[in-house]
Amino acid sequence: MAAAVEQTARMSFPPPTAGARVCIGGGAGFIGSHLAKRMMSEGWYVICVDWKDNEFMQPDEFCNEFLKLDLRQIENCLTATKDCNQVFNLAADMGGMGFIESNQSVLLFNNTMISFNMLEAARTNGAARYFYSSTACVYNEDYQLDPSNPGLKESYVWPRRPDPPAPRPRPTCAQRTTADRSPPNVRPLDLSHSTAPPSQVRVAGQAAGYVRSGEALRRRDGAGLRQGL
């Protein structure tokens, strides 16, 4: 009996003050709408924001306010998270595998904008807590194809332990988006590494000289210039 009471208490999530506001990005989705419904029942003032309607419930069944906004725009994120004590970001542009595989760069752009703008809006508006819902797609696919694998670990996400870890995904995402979204006759990538030896530095596919951080980079043929690497 005591264990059941403890479990119930652990699963409850009352607001810090009566009527405290919470924003749930992607609130029209299956998980988002049920999270919103649960939090509304516990006394939160729930604001759901999405760019589509919930297909199975009316807004007043799961939230106090429903905002139909495009969270790729920072202005909309600021509106949605205004005066919110907590922000749950479950918003994402997703679909079936056919849709995902044929729209990878579009999804990368949309979801990066949603994630970054919701986080910045929550910070700007002074939210006390922020929850980001990630995906199993961050793990190496090989770990997910092995039926004997007992489970996924947080350490699998960063197998190479980049230092520092935070800035590295940004250029990787930008590189992929630039490559996928450029016209076929445009060569958009100009790649370099500020600390690699000459054999590993590449600029527009050609070996370049060694470049120290903060110096300008000139291509081996003399063309092009990059500042502040």
Protein backbone atom coordinates (compact mmCIF):
# COMPACT_ATOMS: atom_id res chain seq x y z
CA MET A 1 0.00 0.00 0.00
CA ALA A 2 2.79 2.40 0.94
CA ALA A 3 4.61 1.58 -2.29
CA ALA A 4 1.48 2.34 -4.33
CA VAL A 5 1.05 5.71 -2.58
CA GLU A 6 4.71 6.54 -3.19
CA GLN A 7 4.38 5.59 -6.88
CA THR A 8 1.29 7.80 -7.27
CA ALA A 9 3.05 10.73 -5.59
CA ARG A 10 6.06 10.29 -7.86
CA MET A 11 3.85 10.37 -10.96
CA SER A 12 1.93 13.49 -9.90
CA PHE A 13 3.15 16.81 -11.22
CA PRO A 14 1.30 19.67 -9.51
CA PRO A 15 2.05 23.30 -10.46
CA PRO A 16 4.35 25.30 -8.15
CA THR A 17 1.51 27.80 -7.70
CA ALA A 18 -2.17 27.47 -8.56
CA GLY A 19 -2.74 28.15 -12.23
CA ALA A 20 0.95 28.31 -13.20
CA ARG A 21 1.32 28.39 -16.98
CA VAL A 22 2.92 25.62 -19.00
CA CYS A 23 3.53 25.59 -22.74
CA ILE A 24 3.47 22.31 -24.65
CA GLY A 25 4.92 22.54 -28.15
CA GLY A 26 3.43 19.92 -30.44
CA GLY A 27 0.39 19.82 -28.18
CA ALA A 28 -1.90 18.53 -30.94
CA GLY A 29 0.05 15.29 -31.21
CA PHE A 30 -0.76 12.04 -29.41
CA ILE A 31 1.82 12.38 -26.64
CA GLY A 32 1.53 16.16 -26.40
CA SER A 33 -2.24 16.23 -26.04
CA HIS A 34 -2.28 13.49 -23.39
CA LEU A 35 0.50 15.21 -21.46
CA ALA A 36 -1.50 18.44 -21.66
CA LYS A 37 -4.67 16.73 -20.48
CA ARG A 38 -2.84 15.22 -17.50
CA MET A 39 -1.23 18.53 -16.51
CA MET A 40 -4.50 20.43 -16.87
CA SER A 41 -6.15 17.92 -14.51
CA GLU A 42 -3.41 18.63 -11.94
CA GLY A 43 -4.06 22.36 -11.92
CA TRP A 44 -1.75 23.78 -14.58
CA TYR A 45 -2.91 26.46 -17.02
CA VAL A 46 -1.98 24.61 -20.19
CA ILE A 47 -1.12 26.32 -23.46
CA CYS A 48 -0.77 23.95 -26.39
CA VAL A 49 0.79 25.16 -29.61
CA ASP A 50 0.95 23.33 -32.92
CA TRP A 51 0.56 23.98 -36.63
CA LYS A 52 -2.19 21.36 -36.92
CA ASP A 53 -5.39 20.53 -35.07
CA ASN A 54 -5.85 17.49 -32.85
CA GLU A 55 -7.84 14.95 -34.86
CA PHE A 56 -9.45 13.19 -31.91
CA MET A 57 -10.11 15.80 -29.20
CA GLN A 58 -11.46 19.32 -29.03
CA PRO A 59 -9.03 21.87 -27.58
CA ASP A 60 -11.01 22.38 -24.37
CA GLU A 61 -10.66 18.65 -23.64
CA PHE A 62 -6.90 18.84 -23.15
CA CYS A 63 -5.81 22.47 -22.73
CA ASN A 64 -6.85 25.94 -21.62
CA GLU A 65 -5.52 27.65 -24.74
CA PHE A 66 -4.72 26.25 -28.16
CA LEU A 67 -2.47 28.35 -30.40
CA LYS A 68 -2.15 27.38 -34.04
CA LEU A 69 1.33 28.74 -34.78
CA ASP A 70 4.41 27.88 -36.81
CA LEU A 71 7.18 27.29 -34.27
CA ARG A 72 9.88 27.71 -36.89
CA GLN A 73 9.37 31.44 -36.30
CA ILE A 74 10.96 32.89 -33.16
CA GLU A 75 8.15 35.45 -32.77
CA ASN A 76 5.59 32.65 -32.47
CA CYS A 77 7.75 30.81 -29.93
CA LEU A 78 8.01 33.96 -27.82
CA THR A 79 4.22 34.35 -27.94
CA ALA A 80 3.61 30.71 -26.99
CA THR A 81 6.01 30.66 -24.03
CA LYS A 82 5.20 34.10 -22.60
CA ASP A 83 4.79 34.01 -18.79
CA CYS A 84 5.17 30.20 -18.75
CA ASN A 85 6.78 28.57 -15.73
CA GLN A 86 7.65 25.46 -17.72
CA VAL A 87 8.00 24.56 -21.40
CA PHE A 88 7.73 21.09 -22.91
CA ASN A 89 8.92 20.92 -26.50
CA LEU A 90 7.46 17.89 -28.25
CA ALA A 91 7.03 19.69 -31.57
CA ALA A 92 8.56 18.17 -34.68
CA ASP A 93 7.93 17.90 -38.40
CA MET A 94 7.67 14.13 -38.87
CA GLY A 95 5.94 11.43 -40.86
CA GLY A 96 6.32 7.88 -42.12
CA MET A 97 9.64 6.54 -43.43
CA GLY A 98 8.76 7.33 -47.05
CA PHE A 99 8.14 10.96 -46.14
CA ILE A 100 11.26 11.18 -43.97
CA GLU A 101 13.61 9.63 -46.53
CA SER A 102 12.40 11.91 -49.33
CA ASN A 103 12.47 15.12 -47.24
CA GLN A 104 15.57 14.82 -45.07
CA SER A 105 16.99 18.30 -45.57
CA VAL A 106 13.55 19.91 -45.17
CA LEU A 107 12.99 18.07 -41.91
CA LEU A 108 16.48 18.92 -40.70
CA PHE A 109 15.84 22.62 -41.32
CA ASN A 110 12.32 22.66 -39.84
CA ASN A 111 13.18 20.70 -36.71
CA THR A 112 16.39 22.63 -36.08
CA MET A 113 14.49 25.92 -36.27
CA ILE A 114 11.71 24.62 -33.98
CA SER A 115 14.16 23.26 -31.40
CA PHE A 116 16.47 26.27 -31.32
CA ASN A 117 13.68 28.86 -31.33
CA MET A 118 11.62 27.18 -28.61
CA LEU A 119 14.69 26.90 -26.38
CA GLU A 120 15.65 30.53 -26.96
CA ALA A 121 12.07 31.73 -26.38
CA ALA A 122 11.85 29.79 -23.12
CA ARG A 123 15.16 31.30 -21.98
CA THR A 124 14.16 34.81 -23.04
CA ASN A 125 10.80 34.56 -21.27
CA GLY A 126 12.37 33.23 -18.07
CA ALA A 127 10.89 29.71 -17.96
CA ALA A 128 12.04 27.86 -14.84
CA ARG A 129 12.24 24.46 -16.52
CA TYR A 130 12.50 23.23 -20.12
CA PHE A 131 11.95 19.72 -21.45
CA TYR A 132 13.22 18.65 -24.87
CA SER A 133 11.88 15.41 -26.33
CA SER A 134 14.56 13.78 -28.48
CA THR A 135 14.46 10.65 -30.64
CA ALA A 136 16.08 7.25 -31.01
CA CYS A 137 17.40 8.54 -34.35
CA VAL A 138 20.31 10.16 -32.48
CA TYR A 139 21.77 6.70 -31.88
CA ASN A 140 23.98 4.82 -34.31
CA GLU A 141 21.73 2.73 -36.53
CA ASP A 142 23.91 -0.36 -35.97
CA TYR A 143 22.86 -0.40 -32.30
CA GLN A 144 19.23 -0.57 -33.39
CA LEU A 145 19.65 -3.40 -35.90
CA ASP A 146 21.17 -5.90 -33.45
CA PRO A 147 18.38 -7.94 -31.79
CA SER A 148 20.75 -8.98 -29.00
CA ASN A 149 21.41 -5.38 -27.98
CA PRO A 150 19.91 -5.03 -24.48
CA GLY A 151 19.22 -1.33 -24.82
CA LEU A 152 20.49 2.09 -25.78
CA LYS A 153 22.71 4.20 -23.55
CA GLU A 154 23.23 7.94 -23.30
CA SER A 155 26.96 7.44 -23.97
CA TYR A 156 26.15 5.98 -27.41
CA VAL A 157 25.06 9.42 -28.64
CA TRP A 158 28.62 10.83 -28.45
CA PRO A 159 30.90 7.88 -29.26
CA ARG A 160 33.75 10.16 -30.39
CA ARG A 161 33.54 12.44 -27.34
CA PRO A 162 33.99 15.75 -29.20
CA ASP A 163 35.55 18.57 -27.20
CA PRO A 164 33.65 20.72 -26.66
CA PRO A 165 30.52 18.74 -27.60
CA ALA A 166 28.04 21.59 -27.98
CA PRO A 167 29.28 23.47 -31.09
CA ARG A 168 29.97 20.43 -33.26
CA PRO A 169 26.43 19.38 -34.32
CA ARG A 170 25.68 22.87 -35.67
CA PRO A 171 28.20 22.84 -38.55
CA THR A 172 27.34 19.21 -39.28
CA CYS A 173 23.66 20.10 -39.63
CA ALA A 174 24.47 23.22 -41.63
CA GLN A 175 26.72 21.22 -43.95
CA ARG A 176 24.03 18.62 -44.61
CA THR A 177 21.36 21.25 -45.16
CA THR A 178 23.59 23.27 -47.51
CA ALA A 179 24.43 20.19 -49.56
CA ASP A 180 20.84 18.96 -49.85
CA ARG A 181 19.11 22.30 -50.48
CA SER A 182 21.51 23.80 -53.05
CA PRO A 183 20.78 23.71 -56.80
CA PRO A 184 22.52 20.84 -58.63
CA ASN A 185 24.89 23.19 -60.47
CA VAL A 186 26.13 24.86 -57.26
CA ARG A 187 29.04 23.54 -55.21
CA PRO A 188 28.11 24.90 -51.78
CA LEU A 189 30.59 23.24 -49.43
CA ASP A 190 33.89 24.78 -48.44
CA LEU A 191 35.16 22.45 -45.74
CA SER A 192 38.02 23.05 -43.35
CA HIS A 193 39.25 22.05 -39.92
CA SER A 194 41.07 24.51 -37.70
CA THR A 195 43.33 22.01 -35.92
CA ALA A 196 43.81 19.04 -38.25
CA PRO A 197 47.17 18.18 -39.86
CA PRO A 198 47.58 19.06 -43.55
CA SER A 199 46.71 15.55 -44.74
CA GLN A 200 43.27 15.81 -43.10
CA VAL A 201 42.33 19.39 -43.98
CA ARG A 202 40.08 19.69 -47.01
CA VAL A 203 38.85 22.83 -48.72
CA ALA A 204 36.36 22.34 -51.56
CA GLY A 205 37.61 18.77 -51.84
CA GLN A 206 41.33 19.72 -52.20
CA ALA A 207 44.08 19.31 -49.60
CA ALA A 208 44.84 22.60 -47.84
CA GLY A 209 47.64 23.83 -45.61
CA TYR A 210 47.67 23.61 -41.82
CA VAL A 211 45.46 26.28 -40.23
CA ARG A 212 45.63 27.40 -36.62
CA SER A 213 42.53 28.69 -34.83
CA GLY A 214 41.92 32.40 -35.46
CA GLU A 215 43.95 32.58 -38.68
CA ALA A 216 42.66 33.16 -42.18
CA LEU A 217 42.40 30.18 -44.51
CA ARG A 218 43.40 30.47 -48.15
CA ARG A 219 42.79 27.68 -50.58
CA ARG A 220 45.87 25.98 -51.96
CA ASP A 221 45.29 27.56 -55.38
CA GLY A 222 45.18 31.01 -53.78
CA ALA A 223 41.46 31.50 -54.33
CA GLY A 224 39.03 32.10 -51.53
CA LEU A 225 39.45 33.36 -47.99
CA ARG A 226 37.92 32.30 -44.68
CA GLN A 227 38.30 34.40 -41.53
CA GLY A 228 38.10 33.48 -37.86
CA LEU A 229 38.34 29.72 -37.99
